[in-house]
């Protein structure tokens, strides 16, 4: 399981710790498209666990000749990355669906990563996590994959379809549709600015359309890249 508990905005490791107190909780994440891993294509993943000994034990157990496993003690960062990357994928899909090119997509991905990092750091995460497999790696795989439900939803939103018609046609709702509002609420709780997430949530809630959301982002007050 991954994501945020909708009512409390808690991460899944926090929920697990409450249900199973005293047991170490580990998070498996990264650019891990299941079909490619099952096909034996070379890939890497990260096991995040606050107990380094347990993390290394899992690393040894699940490593394969075609799957390189890394450890990380930053559970918070890895979980936040796994949630926010779905929102970024929807945003990247939107600009693709609107017919814009690689510059636009790269801009949304890069600024989305900045939002991911700001939120994670505010929650105590290691900023390096977001440049690793859990952050950048998973974002690249998700945004580049034709199999990504989140990117596919974004493409259809960018083409002008309503969120209602998209969700009705899907057997499984893309995670980012539901989690975008939760991520935004968590950001507001932490007083973290996340304009891309805000616009994606508005589109997914049916409060605005993709074109107007992009106009809002481009009209924002000019500022330093790193703030």
C-alpha atoms as a PDB file:
ATOM      1  CA  UNK A   1       0.000   0.000   0.000  1.00  0.00           C
ATOM      2  CA  UNK A   2       1.094   3.563  -0.569  1.00  0.00           C
ATOM      3  CA  UNK A   3      -0.324   7.047  -0.476  1.00  0.00           C
ATOM      4  CA  UNK A   4      -1.865   9.146   2.266  1.00  0.00           C
ATOM      5  CA  UNK A   5      -4.754   8.172   4.498  1.00  0.00           C
ATOM      6  CA  UNK A   6      -7.469  10.514   3.308  1.00  0.00           C
ATOM      7  CA  UNK A   7      -8.969  11.428   6.684  1.00  0.00           C
ATOM      8  CA  UNK A   8      -5.713  11.951   8.594  1.00  0.00           C
ATOM      9  CA  UNK A   9      -3.145  12.550   5.802  1.00  0.00           C
ATOM     10  CA  UNK A  10      -0.892   9.993   7.470  1.00  0.00           C
ATOM     11  CA  UNK A  11       1.637   8.028   5.439  1.00  0.00           C
ATOM     12  CA  UNK A  12       1.155   4.278   5.174  1.00  0.00           C
ATOM     13  CA  UNK A  13       4.154   3.555   7.418  1.00  0.00           C
ATOM     14  CA  UNK A  14       2.521   5.670  10.123  1.00  0.00           C
ATOM     15  CA  UNK A  15      -0.696   3.674   9.778  1.00  0.00           C
ATOM     16  CA  UNK A  16       1.262   0.400   9.882  1.00  0.00           C
ATOM     17  CA  UNK A  17       3.176   1.495  12.973  1.00  0.00           C
ATOM     18  CA  UNK A  18      -0.106   2.195  14.733  1.00  0.00           C
ATOM     19  CA  UNK A  19      -1.589  -1.181  13.768  1.00  0.00           C
ATOM     20  CA  UNK A  20       1.604  -3.160  14.417  1.00  0.00           C
ATOM     21  CA  UNK A  21       3.535  -1.248  17.081  1.00  0.00           C
ATOM     22  CA  UNK A  22       7.078  -2.353  17.749  1.00  0.00           C
ATOM     23  CA  UNK A  23       7.591  -3.883  14.302  1.00  0.00           C
ATOM     24  CA  UNK A  24       9.980  -2.304  11.788  1.00  0.00           C
ATOM     25  CA  UNK A  25       8.268  -1.003   8.648  1.00  0.00           C
ATOM     26  CA  UNK A  26      10.026  -0.886   5.286  1.00  0.00           C
ATOM     27  CA  UNK A  27       9.030   0.856   2.056  1.00  0.00           C
ATOM     28  CA  UNK A  28       9.787  -0.527  -1.403  1.00  0.00           C
ATOM     29  CA  UNK A  29       9.798   2.129  -4.103  1.00  0.00           C
ATOM     30  CA  UNK A  30      11.531   3.450  -7.212  1.00  0.00           C
ATOM     31  CA  UNK A  31      11.185   3.153 -10.998  1.00  0.00           C
ATOM     32  CA  UNK A  32       9.542  -0.245 -10.722  1.00  0.00           C
ATOM     33  CA  UNK A  33       7.095  -0.875 -13.553  1.00  0.00           C
ATOM     34  CA  UNK A  34       5.957  -4.397 -12.696  1.00  0.00           C
ATOM     35  CA  UNK A  35       5.778  -5.799 -16.223  1.00  0.00           C
ATOM     36  CA  UNK A  36       9.374  -4.865 -16.970  1.00  0.00           C
ATOM     37  CA  UNK A  37      10.649  -6.387 -13.727  1.00  0.00           C
ATOM     38  CA  UNK A  38       8.677  -9.597 -14.340  1.00  0.00           C
ATOM     39  CA  UNK A  39      10.151  -9.721 -17.843  1.00  0.00           C
ATOM     40  CA  UNK A  40      13.636  -9.719 -16.336  1.00  0.00           C
ATOM     41  CA  UNK A  41      14.631  -6.313 -17.675  1.00  0.00           C
ATOM     42  CA  UNK A  42      17.465  -4.609 -15.731  1.00  0.00           C
ATOM     43  CA  UNK A  43      16.131  -2.297 -13.026  1.00  0.00           C
ATOM     44  CA  UNK A  44      16.854  -0.865  -9.604  1.00  0.00           C
ATOM     45  CA  UNK A  45      14.716  -0.318  -6.532  1.00  0.00           C
ATOM     46  CA  UNK A  46      15.144   1.120  -3.060  1.00  0.00           C
ATOM     47  CA  UNK A  47      14.202  -0.337   0.317  1.00  0.00           C
ATOM     48  CA  UNK A  48      13.642   2.385   2.903  1.00  0.00           C
ATOM     49  CA  UNK A  49      13.648   1.371   6.549  1.00  0.00           C
ATOM     50  CA  UNK A  50      14.491   3.248   9.721  1.00  0.00           C
ATOM     51  CA  UNK A  51      16.155   0.080  11.004  1.00  0.00           C
ATOM     52  CA  UNK A  52      19.228  -0.211   8.784  1.00  0.00           C
ATOM     53  CA  UNK A  53      19.764  -3.849   9.765  1.00  0.00           C
ATOM     54  CA  UNK A  54      16.277  -4.814   8.591  1.00  0.00           C
ATOM     55  CA  UNK A  55      16.728  -2.797   5.400  1.00  0.00           C
ATOM     56  CA  UNK A  56      19.914  -4.684   4.555  1.00  0.00           C
ATOM     57  CA  UNK A  57      18.227  -7.997   5.317  1.00  0.00           C
ATOM     58  CA  UNK A  58      15.419  -7.213   2.859  1.00  0.00           C
ATOM     59  CA  UNK A  59      18.011  -6.033   0.346  1.00  0.00           C
ATOM     60  CA  UNK A  60      19.654  -9.456   0.419  1.00  0.00           C
ATOM     61  CA  UNK A  61      16.351 -11.333   0.201  1.00  0.00           C
ATOM     62  CA  UNK A  62      14.819  -9.569  -2.807  1.00  0.00           C
ATOM     63  CA  UNK A  63      17.921  -8.854  -4.893  1.00  0.00           C
ATOM     64  CA  UNK A  64      17.992 -10.526  -8.308  1.00  0.00           C
ATOM     65  CA  UNK A  65      20.548 -10.649 -11.123  1.00  0.00           C
ATOM     66  CA  UNK A  66      18.271  -8.226 -12.983  1.00  0.00           C
ATOM     67  CA  UNK A  67      17.122  -6.166  -9.971  1.00  0.00           C
ATOM     68  CA  UNK A  68      19.652  -4.064  -8.082  1.00  0.00           C
ATOM     69  CA  UNK A  69      18.389  -3.167  -4.613  1.00  0.00           C
ATOM     70  CA  UNK A  70      19.599  -0.117  -2.685  1.00  0.00           C
ATOM     71  CA  UNK A  71      18.868   0.761   0.948  1.00  0.00           C
ATOM     72  CA  UNK A  72      17.796   4.098   2.380  1.00  0.00           C
ATOM     73  CA  UNK A  73      16.880   5.071   5.937  1.00  0.00           C
ATOM     74  CA  UNK A  74      14.691   7.981   4.781  1.00  0.00           C
ATOM     75  CA  UNK A  75      11.237   6.415   5.012  1.00  0.00           C
ATOM     76  CA  UNK A  76       9.483   9.803   5.030  1.00  0.00           C
ATOM     77  CA  UNK A  77      11.180  10.999   1.848  1.00  0.00           C
ATOM     78  CA  UNK A  78      10.596   7.763  -0.034  1.00  0.00           C
ATOM     79  CA  UNK A  79       6.906   7.722   0.871  1.00  0.00           C
ATOM     80  CA  UNK A  80       6.336  11.375  -0.002  1.00  0.00           C
ATOM     81  CA  UNK A  81       8.112  10.852  -3.325  1.00  0.00           C
ATOM     82  CA  UNK A  82       5.854   7.897  -4.115  1.00  0.00           C
ATOM     83  CA  UNK A  83       2.739   9.989  -3.538  1.00  0.00           C
ATOM     84  CA  UNK A  84       3.763  13.254  -5.206  1.00  0.00           C
ATOM     85  CA  UNK A  85       5.174  11.588  -8.338  1.00  0.00           C
ATOM     86  CA  UNK A  86       1.623  10.595  -9.333  1.00  0.00           C
ATOM     87  CA  UNK A  87       0.562  14.243  -9.213  1.00  0.00           C
ATOM     88  CA  UNK A  88       3.583  15.209 -11.319  1.00  0.00           C
ATOM     89  CA  UNK A  89       2.705  12.490 -13.829  1.00  0.00           C
ATOM     90  CA  UNK A  90      -0.794  13.909 -14.258  1.00  0.00           C
ATOM     91  CA  UNK A  91       0.672  17.383 -14.820  1.00  0.00           C
ATOM     92  CA  UNK A  92       3.162  16.062 -17.381  1.00  0.00           C
ATOM     93  CA  UNK A  93       0.362  14.180 -19.122  1.00  0.00           C
ATOM     94  CA  UNK A  94      -1.762  17.318 -19.287  1.00  0.00           C
ATOM     95  CA  UNK A  95       0.830  19.312 -21.227  1.00  0.00           C
ATOM     96  CA  UNK A  96       1.361  16.323 -23.520  1.00  0.00           C
ATOM     97  CA  UNK A  97      -2.379  16.094 -24.124  1.00  0.00           C
ATOM     98  CA  UNK A  98      -2.497  19.797 -24.923  1.00  0.00           C
ATOM     99  CA  UNK A  99      -0.001  19.180 -27.704  1.00  0.00           C
ATOM    100  CA  UNK A 100       3.008  20.864 -26.139  1.00  0.00           C
ATOM    101  CA  UNK A 101       6.525  19.526 -26.533  1.00  0.00           C
ATOM    102  CA  UNK A 102       9.450  18.388 -24.455  1.00  0.00           C
ATOM    103  CA  UNK A 103      10.287  21.821 -23.013  1.00  0.00           C
ATOM    104  CA  UNK A 104       6.848  22.067 -21.427  1.00  0.00           C
ATOM    105  CA  UNK A 105       6.959  18.523 -20.096  1.00  0.00           C
ATOM    106  CA  UNK A 106      10.475  18.947 -18.689  1.00  0.00           C
ATOM    107  CA  UNK A 107       9.413  22.173 -16.988  1.00  0.00           C
ATOM    108  CA  UNK A 108       6.442  20.527 -15.262  1.00  0.00           C
ATOM    109  CA  UNK A 109       8.547  17.550 -14.171  1.00  0.00           C
ATOM    110  CA  UNK A 110      11.407  19.682 -12.825  1.00  0.00           C
ATOM    111  CA  UNK A 111       9.204  22.151 -10.979  1.00  0.00           C
ATOM    112  CA  UNK A 112       7.137  19.233  -9.714  1.00  0.00           C
ATOM    113  CA  UNK A 113      10.285  17.693  -8.252  1.00  0.00           C
ATOM    114  CA  UNK A 114      10.967  21.009  -6.513  1.00  0.00           C
ATOM    115  CA  UNK A 115       7.510  20.820  -4.921  1.00  0.00           C
ATOM    116  CA  UNK A 116       8.119  17.211  -3.889  1.00  0.00           C
ATOM    117  CA  UNK A 117      11.403  18.171  -2.247  1.00  0.00           C
ATOM    118  CA  UNK A 118       9.949  21.189  -0.424  1.00  0.00           C
ATOM    119  CA  UNK A 119       7.160  19.120   1.089  1.00  0.00           C
ATOM    120  CA  UNK A 120       9.462  16.253   1.997  1.00  0.00           C
ATOM    121  CA  UNK A 121      12.033  18.484   3.677  1.00  0.00           C
ATOM    122  CA  UNK A 122       9.261  20.215   5.651  1.00  0.00           C
ATOM    123  CA  UNK A 123       8.302  16.768   6.966  1.00  0.00           C
ATOM    124  CA  UNK A 124      11.889  15.928   7.912  1.00  0.00           C
ATOM    125  CA  UNK A 125      13.042  14.067   4.796  1.00  0.00           C
ATOM    126  CA  UNK A 126      16.551  14.013   3.344  1.00  0.00           C
ATOM    127  CA  UNK A 127      16.585  16.246   0.217  1.00  0.00           C
ATOM    128  CA  UNK A 128      18.963  13.810  -1.510  1.00  0.00           C
ATOM    129  CA  UNK A 129      16.167  11.227  -1.588  1.00  0.00           C
ATOM    130  CA  UNK A 130      14.302  13.227  -4.219  1.00  0.00           C
ATOM    131  CA  UNK A 131      17.220  13.071  -6.635  1.00  0.00           C
ATOM    132  CA  UNK A 132      17.443   9.296  -6.197  1.00  0.00           C
ATOM    133  CA  UNK A 133      15.441   6.270  -7.290  1.00  0.00           C
ATOM    134  CA  UNK A 134      12.413   7.089  -5.129  1.00  0.00           C
ATOM    135  CA  UNK A 135      12.165  10.630  -6.471  1.00  0.00           C
ATOM    136  CA  UNK A 136      13.647  11.421  -9.865  1.00  0.00           C
ATOM    137  CA  UNK A 137      13.881   7.762 -10.876  1.00  0.00           C
ATOM    138  CA  UNK A 138      10.213   7.006 -10.256  1.00  0.00           C
ATOM    139  CA  UNK A 139       9.105  10.300 -11.812  1.00  0.00           C
ATOM    140  CA  UNK A 140      11.030   9.615 -15.031  1.00  0.00           C
ATOM    141  CA  UNK A 141       9.670   6.071 -15.313  1.00  0.00           C
ATOM    142  CA  UNK A 142       6.097   7.118 -14.595  1.00  0.00           C
ATOM    143  CA  UNK A 143       6.040  10.152 -16.886  1.00  0.00           C
ATOM    144  CA  UNK A 144       7.726   8.284 -19.748  1.00  0.00           C
ATOM    145  CA  UNK A 145       5.580   5.164 -19.555  1.00  0.00           C
ATOM    146  CA  UNK A 146       2.631   4.667 -21.878  1.00  0.00           C
ATOM    147  CA  UNK A 147       1.356   2.201 -19.258  1.00  0.00           C
ATOM    148  CA  UNK A 148       1.093   4.823 -16.497  1.00  0.00           C
ATOM    149  CA  UNK A 149      -2.540   5.446 -15.534  1.00  0.00           C
ATOM    150  CA  UNK A 150      -1.635   8.816 -14.036  1.00  0.00           C
ATOM    151  CA  UNK A 151       0.065  10.057 -17.193  1.00  0.00           C
ATOM    152  CA  UNK A 152      -2.803   8.690 -19.300  1.00  0.00           C
ATOM    153  CA  UNK A 153      -5.343  10.576 -17.185  1.00  0.00           C
ATOM    154  CA  UNK A 154      -3.323  13.760 -17.612  1.00  0.00           C
ATOM    155  CA  UNK A 155      -3.192  13.316 -21.391  1.00  0.00           C
ATOM    156  CA  UNK A 156      -6.959  12.932 -21.558  1.00  0.00           C
ATOM    157  CA  UNK A 157      -7.493  15.952 -19.295  1.00  0.00           C
ATOM    158  CA  UNK A 158      -5.184  17.943 -21.548  1.00  0.00           C
ATOM    159  CA  UNK A 159      -7.310  16.967 -24.543  1.00  0.00           C
ATOM    160  CA  UNK A 160     -10.372  18.421 -22.871  1.00  0.00           C
ATOM    161  CA  UNK A 161     -12.093  15.376 -21.399  1.00  0.00           C
ATOM    162  CA  UNK A 162     -13.806  15.763 -18.042  1.00  0.00           C
ATOM    163  CA  UNK A 163     -12.535  13.931 -15.001  1.00  0.00           C
ATOM    164  CA  UNK A 164     -15.951  12.264 -14.671  1.00  0.00           C
ATOM    165  CA  UNK A 165     -15.842  10.730 -18.152  1.00  0.00           C
ATOM    166  CA  UNK A 166     -12.245   9.606 -17.651  1.00  0.00           C
ATOM    167  CA  UNK A 167     -12.836   7.881 -14.316  1.00  0.00           C
ATOM    168  CA  UNK A 168     -16.011   6.207 -15.589  1.00  0.00           C
ATOM    169  CA  UNK A 169     -14.043   4.634 -18.443  1.00  0.00           C
ATOM    170  CA  UNK A 170     -11.273   3.273 -16.208  1.00  0.00           C
ATOM    171  CA  UNK A 171     -11.410  -0.056 -14.387  1.00  0.00           C
ATOM    172  CA  UNK A 172      -9.005   1.332 -11.773  1.00  0.00           C
ATOM    173  CA  UNK A 173      -8.788   5.022 -10.883  1.00  0.00           C
ATOM    174  CA  UNK A 174      -5.316   6.567 -11.210  1.00  0.00           C
ATOM    175  CA  UNK A 175      -3.811   7.196  -7.776  1.00  0.00           C
ATOM    176  CA  UNK A 176      -2.949  10.810  -8.500  1.00  0.00           C
ATOM    177  CA  UNK A 177      -6.589  11.741  -9.068  1.00  0.00           C
ATOM    178  CA  UNK A 178      -7.417  10.957  -5.459  1.00  0.00           C
ATOM    179  CA  UNK A 179      -4.091  11.822  -3.857  1.00  0.00           C
ATOM    180  CA  UNK A 180      -3.647  15.276  -5.443  1.00  0.00           C
ATOM    181  CA  UNK A 181      -6.076  16.851  -2.967  1.00  0.00           C
ATOM    182  CA  UNK A 182      -4.530  14.980  -0.019  1.00  0.00           C
ATOM    183  CA  UNK A 183      -1.045  16.149  -1.030  1.00  0.00           C
ATOM    184  CA  UNK A 184      -2.312  19.722  -1.316  1.00  0.00           C
ATOM    185  CA  UNK A 185      -3.946  19.531   2.119  1.00  0.00           C
ATOM    186  CA  UNK A 186      -0.722  18.183   3.624  1.00  0.00           C
ATOM    187  CA  UNK A 187       1.244  20.992   1.963  1.00  0.00           C
ATOM    188  CA  UNK A 188      -1.156  23.579   3.376  1.00  0.00           C
ATOM    189  CA  UNK A 189      -0.810  22.022   6.834  1.00  0.00           C
ATOM    190  CA  UNK A 190       2.988  22.365   6.517  1.00  0.00           C
ATOM    191  CA  UNK A 191       2.755  25.860   4.965  1.00  0.00           C
ATOM    192  CA  UNK A 192       4.535  24.636   1.810  1.00  0.00           C
ATOM    193  CA  UNK A 193       3.828  26.242  -1.547  1.00  0.00           C
ATOM    194  CA  UNK A 194       2.921  23.666  -4.238  1.00  0.00           C
ATOM    195  CA  UNK A 195       1.342  25.530  -7.181  1.00  0.00           C
ATOM    196  CA  UNK A 196       1.458  22.626  -9.653  1.00  0.00           C
ATOM    197  CA  UNK A 197      -0.180  20.316  -7.138  1.00  0.00           C
ATOM    198  CA  UNK A 198      -2.780  22.998  -6.436  1.00  0.00           C
ATOM    199  CA  UNK A 199      -3.720  23.253 -10.110  1.00  0.00           C
ATOM    200  CA  UNK A 200      -3.733  19.477 -10.664  1.00  0.00           C
ATOM    201  CA  UNK A 201      -6.017  19.071  -7.652  1.00  0.00           C
ATOM    202  CA  UNK A 202      -8.342  21.762  -9.008  1.00  0.00           C
ATOM    203  CA  UNK A 203      -8.534  20.024 -12.395  1.00  0.00           C
ATOM    204  CA  UNK A 204      -9.103  16.619 -10.778  1.00  0.00           C
ATOM    205  CA  UNK A 205     -11.826  18.115  -8.579  1.00  0.00           C
ATOM    206  CA  UNK A 206     -13.517  19.583 -11.651  1.00  0.00           C
ATOM    207  CA  UNK A 207     -13.003  23.137 -10.379  1.00  0.00           C
ATOM    208  CA  UNK A 208     -11.031  24.261 -13.436  1.00  0.00           C
ATOM    209  CA  UNK A 209      -9.898  22.974 -16.821  1.00  0.00           C
ATOM    210  CA  UNK A 210      -6.380  22.149 -17.970  1.00  0.00           C
ATOM    211  CA  UNK A 211      -5.992  25.226 -20.168  1.00  0.00           C
ATOM    212  CA  UNK A 212      -6.929  27.634 -17.378  1.00  0.00           C
ATOM    213  CA  UNK A 213      -4.722  25.773 -14.896  1.00  0.00           C
ATOM    214  CA  UNK A 214      -1.710  26.209 -17.173  1.00  0.00           C
ATOM    215  CA  UNK A 215      -2.488  29.909 -17.602  1.00  0.00           C
ATOM    216  CA  UNK A 216      -2.525  30.292 -13.813  1.00  0.00           C
ATOM    217  CA  UNK A 217       0.868  28.611 -13.487  1.00  0.00           C
ATOM    218  CA  UNK A 218       2.487  30.713 -16.213  1.00  0.00           C
ATOM    219  CA  UNK A 219       1.077  33.935 -14.736  1.00  0.00           C
ATOM    220  CA  UNK A 220       2.611  33.400 -11.303  1.00  0.00           C
ATOM    221  CA  UNK A 221       4.850  36.096  -9.825  1.00  0.00           C
ATOM    222  CA  UNK A 222       8.445  35.784 -11.022  1.00  0.00           C
ATOM    223  CA  UNK A 223      10.927  34.540  -8.427  1.00  0.00           C
ATOM    224  CA  UNK A 224      14.233  32.762  -7.882  1.00  0.00           C
ATOM    225  CA  UNK A 225      14.416  29.139  -9.044  1.00  0.00           C
ATOM    226  CA  UNK A 226      15.340  27.955  -5.545  1.00  0.00           C
ATOM    227  CA  UNK A 227      13.224  29.372  -2.731  1.00  0.00           C
END
